Amino acid sequence: MAKGWLKAIAETPRLQSTVRIVGLVDVNPQAATALAEAFQLKDVVIGSDLETVLAKTSADVVFDVVIPAARHSVVSTGLRLGCHVLSEKPMAVSLEEGLDLVARAEKAGRIHAVVQNRRFISGVRRMRAFLDSGAIGELTGIHCDFFIGAHFGGFREAMDNVLLLDMAIHTFDAARFVADKTPLAVYCHESNPKGSWYGRDAAADAIFEFSDDVTFTYRGSWCAEGANTSWESQWRIIGTKGTLLWDGADAFQAHRVVGNDGFLRDLEPVNVPELADDAQTHGHASVISDFIAAIRDGSEPETASNDNIKSLAMVFAAIESARSRQRVTIQNRTV
């Protein structure tokens, strides 16, 4: 993921002019050295201890790209030493740790934000704009399918709740953004299907209750071979007057009802407008740009941790529901 972040910075002119990498920290310094060489980073301090490298560099920002188990320590150190911090997702390995980081950022007077790069994908923004236009009436339901046979190796294949915690967080956050509703409760079932190469929890099915009687459903698996969906999931968004479909890539299709007669009402296609040039977004680059802009002008980034905690609460409520086989409420968990 560090390569992905550095690539986004290197390929985005406005970031090239505002971000200078001054240090790289890794438990394996040789890996940091190799990364510096790959991106031709000159005069960077390399080390295995974050606090030491921050002292040597006087950095303003920490880009946190560590595995989830190390996140709380890294973010806490960065905030304590006066840095703004942009973290990979998930923002914490428990809701309690996430709430603690929100409190630490507020106490330090620094920005802590999370790389929810999926909500900065143009297709997701396009869905939100289309819904906001009222073209298919009022939102009643969002339904997402995610099925990919992903052979990562490494730490993911040993993680508990690997799909919900490491991947579904993207779709949950995007659904919360698209719906512009508050998640209230969830019922979830986790499983590890036959033939899975994961230790456990590679598949999940969840039903979320959102405010204003909106339902969000998620069906997903990281060990489903034979017909991969997009990494962004396949979406069906239902309104009171019609439906929007998005394949998670380039194909949008929308229809709405015309007329009042017949067992199945007649439909008409509805154009799903492209985003205007000034509304286009580009994943990681847009998240980082939003974060840097917030530091410069004192605003709050879209994925600030005090908002992203609501998406994390969806994940941990789903995990709790899967364990208890009960409906779990989400309200007030982030207060």
C-alpha atoms as a PDB file:
ATOM      1  CA  MET A   1       0.000   0.000   0.000  1.00  0.00           C
ATOM      2  CA  ALA A   2       2.924   2.369   0.598  1.00  0.00           C
ATOM      3  CA  LYS A   3       3.748   2.017  -3.097  1.00  0.00           C
ATOM      4  CA  GLY A   4       0.167   2.956  -3.973  1.00  0.00           C
ATOM      5  CA  TRP A   5       0.316   6.106  -1.846  1.00  0.00           C
ATOM      6  CA  LEU A   6       3.704   7.186  -3.216  1.00  0.00           C
ATOM      7  CA  LYS A   7       2.550   6.486  -6.769  1.00  0.00           C
ATOM      8  CA  ALA A   8      -0.524   8.694  -6.242  1.00  0.00           C
ATOM      9  CA  ILE A   9       1.668  11.519  -4.963  1.00  0.00           C
ATOM     10  CA  ALA A  10       4.216  11.130  -7.760  1.00  0.00           C
ATOM     11  CA  GLU A  11       1.538  11.167 -10.481  1.00  0.00           C
ATOM     12  CA  THR A  12      -0.514  14.112  -9.159  1.00  0.00           C
ATOM     13  CA  PRO A  13       0.993  17.535  -9.938  1.00  0.00           C
ATOM     14  CA  ARG A  14      -0.755  19.376  -7.080  1.00  0.00           C
ATOM     15  CA  LEU A  15       0.592  16.799  -4.605  1.00  0.00           C
ATOM     16  CA  GLN A  16       4.086  16.899  -6.098  1.00  0.00           C
ATOM     17  CA  SER A  17       4.206  20.600  -5.294  1.00  0.00           C
ATOM     18  CA  THR A  18       2.862  20.346  -1.740  1.00  0.00           C
ATOM     19  CA  VAL A  19       4.132  17.035  -0.328  1.00  0.00           C
ATOM     20  CA  ARG A  20       7.793  16.221   0.274  1.00  0.00           C
ATOM     21  CA  ILE A  21       8.651  12.803   1.680  1.00  0.00           C
ATOM     22  CA  VAL A  22      11.312  13.282   4.376  1.00  0.00           C
ATOM     23  CA  GLY A  23      11.359   9.887   6.077  1.00  0.00           C
ATOM     24  CA  LEU A  24      10.415   6.239   5.719  1.00  0.00           C
ATOM     25  CA  VAL A  25       9.838   3.949   8.699  1.00  0.00           C
ATOM     26  CA  ASP A  26       9.662   0.161   8.485  1.00  0.00           C
ATOM     27  CA  VAL A  27      10.336  -2.699  10.880  1.00  0.00           C
ATOM     28  CA  ASN A  28      12.563  -3.880   8.039  1.00  0.00           C
ATOM     29  CA  PRO A  29      14.721  -0.864   7.088  1.00  0.00           C
ATOM     30  CA  GLN A  30      15.888  -2.653   3.941  1.00  0.00           C
ATOM     31  CA  ALA A  31      12.314  -2.548   2.657  1.00  0.00           C
ATOM     32  CA  ALA A  32      12.204   1.208   3.278  1.00  0.00           C
ATOM     33  CA  THR A  33      15.519   1.645   1.471  1.00  0.00           C
ATOM     34  CA  ALA A  34      14.206  -0.298  -1.517  1.00  0.00           C
ATOM     35  CA  LEU A  35      11.076   1.875  -1.572  1.00  0.00           C
ATOM     36  CA  ALA A  36      13.162   5.053  -1.511  1.00  0.00           C
ATOM     37  CA  GLU A  37      15.229   3.782  -4.424  1.00  0.00           C
ATOM     38  CA  ALA A  38      12.143   2.725  -6.407  1.00  0.00           C
ATOM     39  CA  PHE A  39      10.634   6.219  -6.127  1.00  0.00           C
ATOM     40  CA  GLN A  40      13.961   8.073  -6.334  1.00  0.00           C
ATOM     41  CA  LEU A  41      13.430   9.727  -2.964  1.00  0.00           C
ATOM     42  CA  LYS A  42      16.526  11.724  -2.105  1.00  0.00           C
ATOM     43  CA  ASP A  43      17.765  12.730   1.341  1.00  0.00           C
ATOM     44  CA  VAL A  44      15.113  10.740   3.227  1.00  0.00           C
ATOM     45  CA  VAL A  45      15.726   9.510   6.758  1.00  0.00           C
ATOM     46  CA  ILE A  46      15.198   5.763   7.028  1.00  0.00           C
ATOM     47  CA  GLY A  47      14.646   3.935  10.295  1.00  0.00           C
ATOM     48  CA  SER A  48      12.654   1.346  12.191  1.00  0.00           C
ATOM     49  CA  ASP A  49      11.390   3.612  14.990  1.00  0.00           C
ATOM     50  CA  LEU A  50       8.751   6.233  14.180  1.00  0.00           C
ATOM     51  CA  GLU A  51       9.508   8.552  17.090  1.00  0.00           C
ATOM     52  CA  THR A  52      13.215   8.668  16.198  1.00  0.00           C
ATOM     53  CA  VAL A  53      12.544   9.435  12.539  1.00  0.00           C
ATOM     54  CA  LEU A  54      10.022  12.152  13.428  1.00  0.00           C
ATOM     55  CA  ALA A  55      12.575  13.767  15.736  1.00  0.00           C
ATOM     56  CA  LYS A  56      15.172  13.785  12.954  1.00  0.00           C
ATOM     57  CA  THR A  57      12.859  15.095  10.232  1.00  0.00           C
ATOM     58  CA  SER A  58      10.476  17.483  12.052  1.00  0.00           C
ATOM     59  CA  ALA A  59       7.748  16.142   9.770  1.00  0.00           C
ATOM     60  CA  ASP A  60       4.298  17.764   9.691  1.00  0.00           C
ATOM     61  CA  VAL A  61       2.397  14.672   8.553  1.00  0.00           C
ATOM     62  CA  VAL A  62       2.486  10.936   9.124  1.00  0.00           C
ATOM     63  CA  PHE A  63       1.154   8.662   6.394  1.00  0.00           C
ATOM     64  CA  ASP A  64       0.161   5.523   8.296  1.00  0.00           C
ATOM     65  CA  VAL A  65       0.316   2.453   6.063  1.00  0.00           C
ATOM     66  CA  VAL A  66       0.941  -0.214   8.706  1.00  0.00           C
ATOM     67  CA  ILE A  67      -1.005  -3.413   9.315  1.00  0.00           C
ATOM     68  CA  PRO A  68      -4.158  -2.856  11.422  1.00  0.00           C
ATOM     69  CA  ALA A  69      -2.647  -4.313  14.617  1.00  0.00           C
ATOM     70  CA  ALA A  70       0.030  -1.587  14.662  1.00  0.00           C
ATOM     71  CA  ARG A  71      -2.259   1.324  13.778  1.00  0.00           C
ATOM     72  CA  HIS A  72      -3.167   2.587  17.245  1.00  0.00           C
ATOM     73  CA  SER A  73       0.480   2.878  18.284  1.00  0.00           C
ATOM     74  CA  VAL A  74       1.528   4.642  15.076  1.00  0.00           C
ATOM     75  CA  VAL A  75      -1.361   7.124  15.056  1.00  0.00           C
ATOM     76  CA  SER A  76      -0.981   7.860  18.784  1.00  0.00           C
ATOM     77  CA  THR A  77       2.733   8.546  18.356  1.00  0.00           C
ATOM     78  CA  GLY A  78       2.182  10.819  15.381  1.00  0.00           C
ATOM     79  CA  LEU A  79      -0.508  12.842  17.135  1.00  0.00           C
ATOM     80  CA  ARG A  80       1.481  13.074  20.368  1.00  0.00           C
ATOM     81  CA  LEU A  81       4.439  14.515  18.468  1.00  0.00           C
ATOM     82  CA  GLY A  82       2.302  17.152  16.752  1.00  0.00           C
ATOM     83  CA  CYS A  83       1.717  15.545  13.374  1.00  0.00           C
ATOM     84  CA  HIS A  84      -1.444  15.318  11.347  1.00  0.00           C
ATOM     85  CA  VAL A  85      -2.067  11.672  10.441  1.00  0.00           C
ATOM     86  CA  LEU A  86      -3.652  10.026   7.402  1.00  0.00           C
ATOM     87  CA  SER A  87      -4.283   6.319   8.026  1.00  0.00           C
ATOM     88  CA  GLU A  88      -5.026   3.287   5.936  1.00  0.00           C
ATOM     89  CA  LYS A  89      -8.332   1.587   6.667  1.00  0.00           C
ATOM     90  CA  PRO A  90      -9.610   0.204   8.938  1.00  0.00           C
ATOM     91  CA  MET A  91      -8.865   3.061  11.327  1.00  0.00           C
ATOM     92  CA  ALA A  92      -8.639   0.642  14.282  1.00  0.00           C
ATOM     93  CA  VAL A  93      -8.946  -3.027  15.220  1.00  0.00           C
ATOM     94  CA  SER A  94     -11.742  -2.280  17.687  1.00  0.00           C
ATOM     95  CA  LEU A  95     -14.348   0.405  18.124  1.00  0.00           C
ATOM     96  CA  GLU A  96     -12.807   1.306  21.481  1.00  0.00           C
ATOM     97  CA  GLU A  97      -9.412   1.944  19.877  1.00  0.00           C
ATOM     98  CA  GLY A  98     -11.089   3.968  17.142  1.00  0.00           C
ATOM     99  CA  LEU A  99     -12.890   6.167  19.662  1.00  0.00           C
ATOM    100  CA  ASP A 100      -9.624   6.622  21.546  1.00  0.00           C
ATOM    101  CA  LEU A 101      -7.893   7.859  18.383  1.00  0.00           C
ATOM    102  CA  VAL A 102     -10.719  10.313  17.709  1.00  0.00           C
ATOM    103  CA  ALA A 103     -10.294  11.680  21.237  1.00  0.00           C
ATOM    104  CA  ARG A 104      -6.506  11.873  20.879  1.00  0.00           C
ATOM    105  CA  ALA A 105      -6.786  13.828  17.612  1.00  0.00           C
ATOM    106  CA  GLU A 106      -9.204  16.290  19.202  1.00  0.00           C
ATOM    107  CA  LYS A 107      -6.957  16.731  22.251  1.00  0.00           C
ATOM    108  CA  ALA A 108      -3.874  17.244  20.076  1.00  0.00           C
ATOM    109  CA  GLY A 109      -5.659  19.716  17.813  1.00  0.00           C
ATOM    110  CA  ARG A 110      -4.514  17.727  14.793  1.00  0.00           C
ATOM    111  CA  ILE A 111      -6.326  16.122  11.870  1.00  0.00           C
ATOM    112  CA  HIS A 112      -6.644  12.361  11.782  1.00  0.00           C
ATOM    113  CA  ALA A 113      -8.287  11.075   8.610  1.00  0.00           C
ATOM    114  CA  VAL A 114      -8.718   7.668   6.979  1.00  0.00           C
ATOM    115  CA  VAL A 115      -8.034   6.575   3.415  1.00  0.00           C
ATOM    116  CA  GLN A 116     -11.515   5.517   2.348  1.00  0.00           C
ATOM    117  CA  ASN A 117     -10.431   5.776  -1.256  1.00  0.00           C
ATOM    118  CA  ARG A 118     -13.524   4.006  -2.600  1.00  0.00           C
ATOM    119  CA  ARG A 119     -15.815   6.925  -1.803  1.00  0.00           C
ATOM    120  CA  PHE A 120     -13.494   9.038  -3.978  1.00  0.00           C
ATOM    121  CA  ILE A 121     -13.975   6.760  -6.975  1.00  0.00           C
ATOM    122  CA  SER A 122     -15.890   8.633  -9.656  1.00  0.00           C
ATOM    123  CA  GLY A 123     -18.555   5.924  -9.951  1.00  0.00           C
ATOM    124  CA  VAL A 124     -19.498   6.283  -6.290  1.00  0.00           C
ATOM    125  CA  ARG A 125     -19.693  10.073  -6.568  1.00  0.00           C
ATOM    126  CA  ARG A 126     -21.766   9.659  -9.725  1.00  0.00           C
ATOM    127  CA  MET A 127     -24.293   7.459  -7.890  1.00  0.00           C
ATOM    128  CA  ARG A 128     -24.628  10.018  -5.107  1.00  0.00           C
ATOM    129  CA  ALA A 129     -25.147  12.872  -7.575  1.00  0.00           C
ATOM    130  CA  PHE A 130     -27.744  10.856  -9.497  1.00  0.00           C
ATOM    131  CA  LEU A 131     -29.681  10.066  -6.318  1.00  0.00           C
ATOM    132  CA  ASP A 132     -29.500  13.685  -5.192  1.00  0.00           C
ATOM    133  CA  SER A 133     -31.064  14.718  -8.516  1.00  0.00           C
ATOM    134  CA  GLY A 134     -34.276  12.882  -7.618  1.00  0.00           C
ATOM    135  CA  ALA A 135     -34.350  11.069 -10.967  1.00  0.00           C
ATOM    136  CA  ILE A 136     -35.587   7.810  -9.389  1.00  0.00           C
ATOM    137  CA  GLY A 137     -37.472   9.349  -6.493  1.00  0.00           C
ATOM    138  CA  GLU A 138     -36.691   8.825  -2.828  1.00  0.00           C
ATOM    139  CA  LEU A 139     -34.153   6.184  -1.846  1.00  0.00           C
ATOM    140  CA  THR A 140     -35.566   2.968  -0.366  1.00  0.00           C
ATOM    141  CA  GLY A 141     -32.756   0.439  -0.696  1.00  0.00           C
ATOM    142  CA  ILE A 142     -29.104  -0.176  -1.613  1.00  0.00           C
ATOM    143  CA  HIS A 143     -27.952  -3.715  -2.417  1.00  0.00           C
ATOM    144  CA  CYS A 144     -24.307  -4.645  -3.031  1.00  0.00           C
ATOM    145  CA  ASP A 145     -22.673  -7.891  -4.176  1.00  0.00           C
ATOM    146  CA  PHE A 146     -18.938  -8.504  -3.779  1.00  0.00           C
ATOM    147  CA  PHE A 147     -17.502 -11.850  -4.903  1.00  0.00           C
ATOM    148  CA  ILE A 148     -13.782 -12.241  -5.636  1.00  0.00           C
ATOM    149  CA  GLY A 149     -11.415 -15.194  -5.285  1.00  0.00           C
ATOM    150  CA  ALA A 150      -8.515 -13.230  -3.804  1.00  0.00           C
ATOM    151  CA  HIS A 151      -5.318 -15.174  -3.016  1.00  0.00           C
ATOM    152  CA  PHE A 152      -3.332 -12.702  -0.926  1.00  0.00           C
ATOM    153  CA  GLY A 153      -1.203 -14.943   1.217  1.00  0.00           C
ATOM    154  CA  GLY A 154       0.256 -13.229   4.280  1.00  0.00           C
ATOM    155  CA  PHE A 155      -1.554 -11.733   7.258  1.00  0.00           C
ATOM    156  CA  ARG A 156      -5.023 -11.495   5.689  1.00  0.00           C
ATOM    157  CA  GLU A 157      -5.402 -15.240   5.394  1.00  0.00           C
ATOM    158  CA  ALA A 158      -4.945 -15.551   9.169  1.00  0.00           C
ATOM    159  CA  MET A 159      -7.183 -12.606  10.179  1.00  0.00           C
ATOM    160  CA  ASP A 160     -10.434 -12.974  12.061  1.00  0.00           C
ATOM    161  CA  ASN A 161     -13.391 -11.298  10.308  1.00  0.00           C
ATOM    162  CA  VAL A 162     -11.135 -10.730   7.323  1.00  0.00           C
ATOM    163  CA  LEU A 163     -13.827  -9.822   4.795  1.00  0.00           C
ATOM    164  CA  LEU A 164     -15.802  -7.492   7.059  1.00  0.00           C
ATOM    165  CA  LEU A 165     -12.830  -5.758   8.632  1.00  0.00           C
ATOM    166  CA  ASP A 166     -10.412  -5.532   5.723  1.00  0.00           C
ATOM    167  CA  MET A 167     -12.676  -5.196   2.665  1.00  0.00           C
ATOM    168  CA  ALA A 168     -16.358  -4.692   3.450  1.00  0.00           C
ATOM    169  CA  ILE A 169     -15.458  -1.467   5.269  1.00  0.00           C
ATOM    170  CA  HIS A 170     -14.997   0.065   1.785  1.00  0.00           C
ATOM    171  CA  THR A 171     -18.499  -0.837   0.624  1.00  0.00           C
ATOM    172  CA  PHE A 172     -20.077   0.049   3.974  1.00  0.00           C
ATOM    173  CA  ASP A 173     -18.476   3.488   3.908  1.00  0.00           C
ATOM    174  CA  ALA A 174     -19.434   4.064   0.271  1.00  0.00           C
ATOM    175  CA  ALA A 175     -23.038   2.996   0.965  1.00  0.00           C
ATOM    176  CA  ARG A 176     -23.246   5.374   3.917  1.00  0.00           C
ATOM    177  CA  PHE A 177     -21.959   8.167   1.665  1.00  0.00           C
ATOM    178  CA  VAL A 178     -24.281   7.366  -1.253  1.00  0.00           C
ATOM    179  CA  ALA A 179     -27.354   6.991   0.955  1.00  0.00           C
ATOM    180  CA  ASP A 180     -26.527  10.013   3.117  1.00  0.00           C
ATOM    181  CA  LYS A 181     -28.328   8.206   5.946  1.00  0.00           C
ATOM    182  CA  THR A 182     -27.460   7.113   9.473  1.00  0.00           C
ATOM    183  CA  PRO A 183     -26.818   3.380  10.080  1.00  0.00           C
ATOM    184  CA  LEU A 184     -29.104   2.213  12.884  1.00  0.00           C
ATOM    185  CA  ALA A 185     -28.873  -1.581  13.203  1.00  0.00           C
ATOM    186  CA  VAL A 186     -27.602  -4.742  11.485  1.00  0.00           C
ATOM    187  CA  TYR A 187     -28.098  -8.472  11.270  1.00  0.00           C
ATOM    188  CA  CYS A 188     -25.098 -10.357   9.864  1.00  0.00           C
ATOM    189  CA  HIS A 189     -23.995 -13.922   9.158  1.00  0.00           C
ATOM    190  CA  GLU A 190     -20.312 -14.827   8.615  1.00  0.00           C
ATOM    191  CA  SER A 191     -18.996 -18.088   7.188  1.00  0.00           C
ATOM    192  CA  ASN A 192     -15.888 -19.741   5.794  1.00  0.00           C
ATOM    193  CA  PRO A 193     -17.090 -21.725   2.762  1.00  0.00           C
ATOM    194  CA  LYS A 194     -15.746 -25.127   1.785  1.00  0.00           C
ATOM    195  CA  GLY A 195     -12.496 -24.829  -0.120  1.00  0.00           C
ATOM    196  CA  SER A 196     -11.641 -21.489   1.509  1.00  0.00           C
ATOM    197  CA  TRP A 197      -7.901 -20.769   1.787  1.00  0.00           C
ATOM    198  CA  TYR A 198      -8.585 -18.327   4.629  1.00  0.00           C
ATOM    199  CA  GLY A 199      -8.429 -19.345   8.274  1.00  0.00           C
ATOM    200  CA  ARG A 200     -11.963 -18.104   8.886  1.00  0.00           C
ATOM    201  CA  ASP A 201     -14.645 -15.516   8.098  1.00  0.00           C
ATOM    202  CA  ALA A 202     -14.011 -15.156   4.349  1.00  0.00           C
ATOM    203  CA  ALA A 203     -17.695 -14.598   3.516  1.00  0.00           C
ATOM    204  CA  ALA A 204     -20.494 -12.494   5.006  1.00  0.00           C
ATOM    205  CA  ASP A 205     -24.106 -11.498   4.424  1.00  0.00           C
ATOM    206  CA  ALA A 206     -25.451  -8.409   6.185  1.00  0.00           C
ATOM    207  CA  ILE A 207     -28.717  -6.484   6.362  1.00  0.00           C
ATOM    208  CA  PHE A 208     -28.426  -2.906   7.645  1.00  0.00           C
ATOM    209  CA  GLU A 209     -31.242  -0.635   8.732  1.00  0.00           C
ATOM    210  CA  PHE A 210     -30.556   2.984   7.793  1.00  0.00           C
ATOM    211  CA  SER A 211     -32.539   6.041   8.856  1.00  0.00           C
ATOM    212  CA  ASP A 212     -35.673   7.004   6.894  1.00  0.00           C
ATOM    213  CA  ASP A 213     -36.566   3.304   6.405  1.00  0.00           C
ATOM    214  CA  VAL A 214     -33.717   2.689   3.955  1.00  0.00           C
ATOM    215  CA  THR A 215     -32.313  -0.862   3.785  1.00  0.00           C
ATOM    216  CA  PHE A 216     -28.713  -1.650   2.800  1.00  0.00           C
ATOM    217  CA  THR A 217     -27.765  -5.261   2.094  1.00  0.00           C
ATOM    218  CA  TYR A 218     -24.305  -6.686   1.505  1.00  0.00           C
ATOM    219  CA  ARG A 219     -23.397 -10.127   0.161  1.00  0.00           C
ATOM    220  CA  GLY A 220     -19.696 -10.842  -0.093  1.00  0.00           C
ATOM    221  CA  SER A 221     -16.951 -13.439  -0.315  1.00  0.00           C
ATOM    222  CA  TRP A 222     -13.195 -13.403  -0.768  1.00  0.00           C
ATOM    223  CA  CYS A 223     -13.111 -17.081  -1.711  1.00  0.00           C
ATOM    224  CA  ALA A 224     -15.685 -17.143  -4.536  1.00  0.00           C
ATOM    225  CA  GLU A 225     -14.044 -18.457  -7.695  1.00  0.00           C
ATOM    226  CA  GLY A 226     -15.385 -18.338 -11.237  1.00  0.00           C
ATOM    227  CA  ALA A 227     -17.177 -15.018 -11.666  1.00  0.00           C
ATOM    228  CA  ASN A 228     -15.420 -12.115  -9.991  1.00  0.00           C
ATOM    229  CA  THR A 229     -17.318  -8.891  -9.457  1.00  0.00           C
ATOM    230  CA  SER A 230     -15.615  -5.528  -9.529  1.00  0.00           C
ATOM    231  CA  TRP A 231     -13.544  -4.649  -6.464  1.00  0.00           C
ATOM    232  CA  GLU A 232     -16.084  -1.859  -5.982  1.00  0.00           C
ATOM    233  CA  SER A 233     -18.988  -4.360  -5.770  1.00  0.00           C
ATOM    234  CA  GLN A 234     -22.048  -4.507  -8.022  1.00  0.00           C
ATOM    235  CA  TRP A 235     -24.746  -2.039  -6.942  1.00  0.00           C
ATOM    236  CA  ARG A 236     -28.538  -1.947  -7.206  1.00  0.00           C
ATOM    237  CA  ILE A 237     -30.082   1.273  -5.873  1.00  0.00           C
ATOM    238  CA  ILE A 238     -33.845   1.399  -5.610  1.00  0.00           C
ATOM    239  CA  GLY A 239     -35.949   4.531  -5.405  1.00  0.00           C
ATOM    240  CA  THR A 240     -39.669   5.128  -5.230  1.00  0.00           C
ATOM    241  CA  LYS A 241     -39.781   5.782  -8.976  1.00  0.00           C
ATOM    242  CA  GLY A 242     -37.075   3.512 -10.416  1.00  0.00           C
ATOM    243  CA  THR A 243     -33.743   1.713 -10.103  1.00  0.00           C
ATOM    244  CA  LEU A 244     -30.073   2.463 -10.770  1.00  0.00           C
ATOM    245  CA  LEU A 245     -27.587  -0.325 -11.556  1.00  0.00           C
ATOM    246  CA  TRP A 246     -23.797   0.042 -11.472  1.00  0.00           C
ATOM    247  CA  ASP A 247     -21.407  -2.806 -12.238  1.00  0.00           C
ATOM    248  CA  GLY A 248     -18.618  -1.232 -10.172  1.00  0.00           C
ATOM    249  CA  ALA A 249     -16.689  -0.358 -13.321  1.00  0.00           C
ATOM    250  CA  ASP A 250     -18.015   1.676 -16.253  1.00  0.00           C
ATOM    251  CA  ALA A 251     -21.583   0.460 -16.848  1.00  0.00           C
ATOM    252  CA  PHE A 252     -24.460   2.517 -15.431  1.00  0.00           C
ATOM    253  CA  GLN A 253     -28.087   1.752 -16.203  1.00  0.00           C
ATOM    254  CA  ALA A 254     -31.200   3.409 -14.819  1.00  0.00           C
ATOM    255  CA  HIS A 255     -34.920   3.063 -15.491  1.00  0.00           C
ATOM    256  CA  ARG A 256     -37.981   4.665 -13.969  1.00  0.00           C
ATOM    257  CA  VAL A 257     -41.691   3.963 -14.156  1.00  0.00           C
ATOM    258  CA  VAL A 258     -43.912   5.789 -16.640  1.00  0.00           C
ATOM    259  CA  GLY A 259     -47.686   5.472 -16.549  1.00  0.00           C
ATOM    260  CA  ASN A 260     -50.009   4.001 -13.946  1.00  0.00           C
ATOM    261  CA  ASP A 261     -51.459   0.901 -15.627  1.00  0.00           C
ATOM    262  CA  GLY A 262     -50.516  -2.750 -16.006  1.00  0.00           C
ATOM    263  CA  PHE A 263     -49.289  -5.549 -13.747  1.00  0.00           C
ATOM    264  CA  LEU A 264     -45.716  -4.454 -14.490  1.00  0.00           C
ATOM    265  CA  ARG A 265     -45.515  -0.760 -15.201  1.00  0.00           C
ATOM    266  CA  ASP A 266     -43.863   0.537 -18.349  1.00  0.00           C
ATOM    267  CA  LEU A 267     -40.328   1.855 -17.913  1.00  0.00           C
ATOM    268  CA  GLU A 268     -38.206   4.494 -19.554  1.00  0.00           C
ATOM    269  CA  PRO A 269     -34.406   4.686 -19.511  1.00  0.00           C
ATOM    270  CA  VAL A 270     -32.851   7.522 -17.551  1.00  0.00           C
ATOM    271  CA  ASN A 271     -29.481   9.024 -18.388  1.00  0.00           C
ATOM    272  CA  VAL A 272     -26.910   8.863 -15.580  1.00  0.00           C
ATOM    273  CA  PRO A 273     -24.854  12.020 -16.169  1.00  0.00           C
ATOM    274  CA  GLU A 274     -21.085  11.980 -16.106  1.00  0.00           C
ATOM    275  CA  LEU A 275     -19.497  14.064 -13.397  1.00  0.00           C
ATOM    276  CA  ALA A 276     -18.391  17.536 -14.358  1.00  0.00           C
ATOM    277  CA  ASP A 277     -14.637  17.925 -14.796  1.00  0.00           C
ATOM    278  CA  ASP A 278     -14.302  19.829 -11.528  1.00  0.00           C
ATOM    279  CA  ALA A 279     -16.148  17.039  -9.670  1.00  0.00           C
ATOM    280  CA  GLN A 280     -13.983  14.170 -10.927  1.00  0.00           C
ATOM    281  CA  THR A 281     -12.167  12.213  -8.228  1.00  0.00           C
ATOM    282  CA  HIS A 282      -9.268   9.789  -8.380  1.00  0.00           C
ATOM    283  CA  GLY A 283      -9.140   7.452  -5.405  1.00  0.00           C
ATOM    284  CA  HIS A 284      -6.003   7.748  -3.282  1.00  0.00           C
ATOM    285  CA  ALA A 285      -4.869  10.995  -4.904  1.00  0.00           C
ATOM    286  CA  SER A 286      -8.172  12.672  -4.074  1.00  0.00           C
ATOM    287  CA  VAL A 287      -8.142  11.463  -0.452  1.00  0.00           C
ATOM    288  CA  ILE A 288      -4.596  12.738   0.061  1.00  0.00           C
ATOM    289  CA  SER A 289      -5.424  16.045  -1.656  1.00  0.00           C
ATOM    290  CA  ASP A 290      -8.514  16.500   0.517  1.00  0.00           C
ATOM    291  CA  PHE A 291      -6.408  15.812   3.624  1.00  0.00           C
ATOM    292  CA  ILE A 292      -3.648  18.269   2.646  1.00  0.00           C
ATOM    293  CA  ALA A 293      -6.207  20.951   1.760  1.00  0.00           C
ATOM    294  CA  ALA A 294      -7.840  20.542   5.188  1.00  0.00           C
ATOM    295  CA  ILE A 295      -4.492  21.068   6.916  1.00  0.00           C
ATOM    296  CA  ARG A 296      -3.853  24.207   4.881  1.00  0.00           C
ATOM    297  CA  ASP A 297      -7.260  25.883   5.262  1.00  0.00           C
ATOM    298  CA  GLY A 298      -8.359  24.554   8.646  1.00  0.00           C
ATOM    299  CA  SER A 299     -11.356  22.651   7.309  1.00  0.00           C
ATOM    300  CA  GLU A 300     -12.318  19.065   8.109  1.00  0.00           C
ATOM    301  CA  PRO A 301     -11.493  16.394   5.512  1.00  0.00           C
ATOM    302  CA  GLU A 302     -14.358  14.279   4.232  1.00  0.00           C
ATOM    303  CA  THR A 303     -12.906  11.125   5.784  1.00  0.00           C
ATOM    304  CA  ALA A 304     -11.935  12.594   9.156  1.00  0.00           C
ATOM    305  CA  SER A 305     -11.794   9.917  11.836  1.00  0.00           C
ATOM    306  CA  ASN A 306     -14.627  11.500  13.825  1.00  0.00           C
ATOM    307  CA  ASP A 307     -16.882  10.763  10.835  1.00  0.00           C
ATOM    308  CA  ASN A 308     -15.257   7.548   9.639  1.00  0.00           C
ATOM    309  CA  ILE A 309     -15.842   6.018  13.069  1.00  0.00           C
ATOM    310  CA  LYS A 310     -19.479   5.652  11.925  1.00  0.00           C
ATOM    311  CA  SER A 311     -18.400   3.293   9.130  1.00  0.00           C
ATOM    312  CA  LEU A 312     -16.147   1.407  11.540  1.00  0.00           C
ATOM    313  CA  ALA A 313     -19.121   1.063  13.906  1.00  0.00           C
ATOM    314  CA  MET A 314     -21.026  -0.637  11.071  1.00  0.00           C
ATOM    315  CA  VAL A 315     -18.225  -3.189  10.749  1.00  0.00           C
ATOM    316  CA  PHE A 316     -17.978  -4.024  14.430  1.00  0.00           C
ATOM    317  CA  ALA A 317     -21.742  -4.173  14.838  1.00  0.00           C
ATOM    318  CA  ALA A 318     -21.836  -6.649  11.943  1.00  0.00           C
ATOM    319  CA  ILE A 319     -19.076  -8.705  13.570  1.00  0.00           C
ATOM    320  CA  GLU A 320     -20.939  -8.699  16.887  1.00  0.00           C
ATOM    321  CA  SER A 321     -24.152  -9.726  15.158  1.00  0.00           C
ATOM    322  CA  ALA A 322     -22.404 -12.604  13.371  1.00  0.00           C
ATOM    323  CA  ARG A 323     -21.026 -13.865  16.674  1.00  0.00           C
ATOM    324  CA  SER A 324     -24.256 -13.487  18.645  1.00  0.00           C
ATOM    325  CA  ARG A 325     -26.666 -14.395  15.828  1.00  0.00           C
ATOM    326  CA  GLN A 326     -28.704 -11.386  16.947  1.00  0.00           C
ATOM    327  CA  ARG A 327     -29.744  -8.015  15.527  1.00  0.00           C
ATOM    328  CA  VAL A 328     -27.308  -5.388  16.854  1.00  0.00           C
ATOM    329  CA  THR A 329     -28.017  -1.684  17.159  1.00  0.00           C
ATOM    330  CA  ILE A 330     -25.442   0.833  15.908  1.00  0.00           C
ATOM    331  CA  GLN A 331     -26.892   4.108  17.189  1.00  0.00           C
ATOM    332  CA  ASN A 332     -24.971   5.857  19.967  1.00  0.00           C
ATOM    333  CA  ARG A 333     -21.912   3.610  19.572  1.00  0.00           C
ATOM    334  CA  THR A 334     -19.837   6.520  18.278  1.00  0.00           C
ATOM    335  CA  VAL A 335     -20.872   9.106  20.859  1.00  0.00           C
END
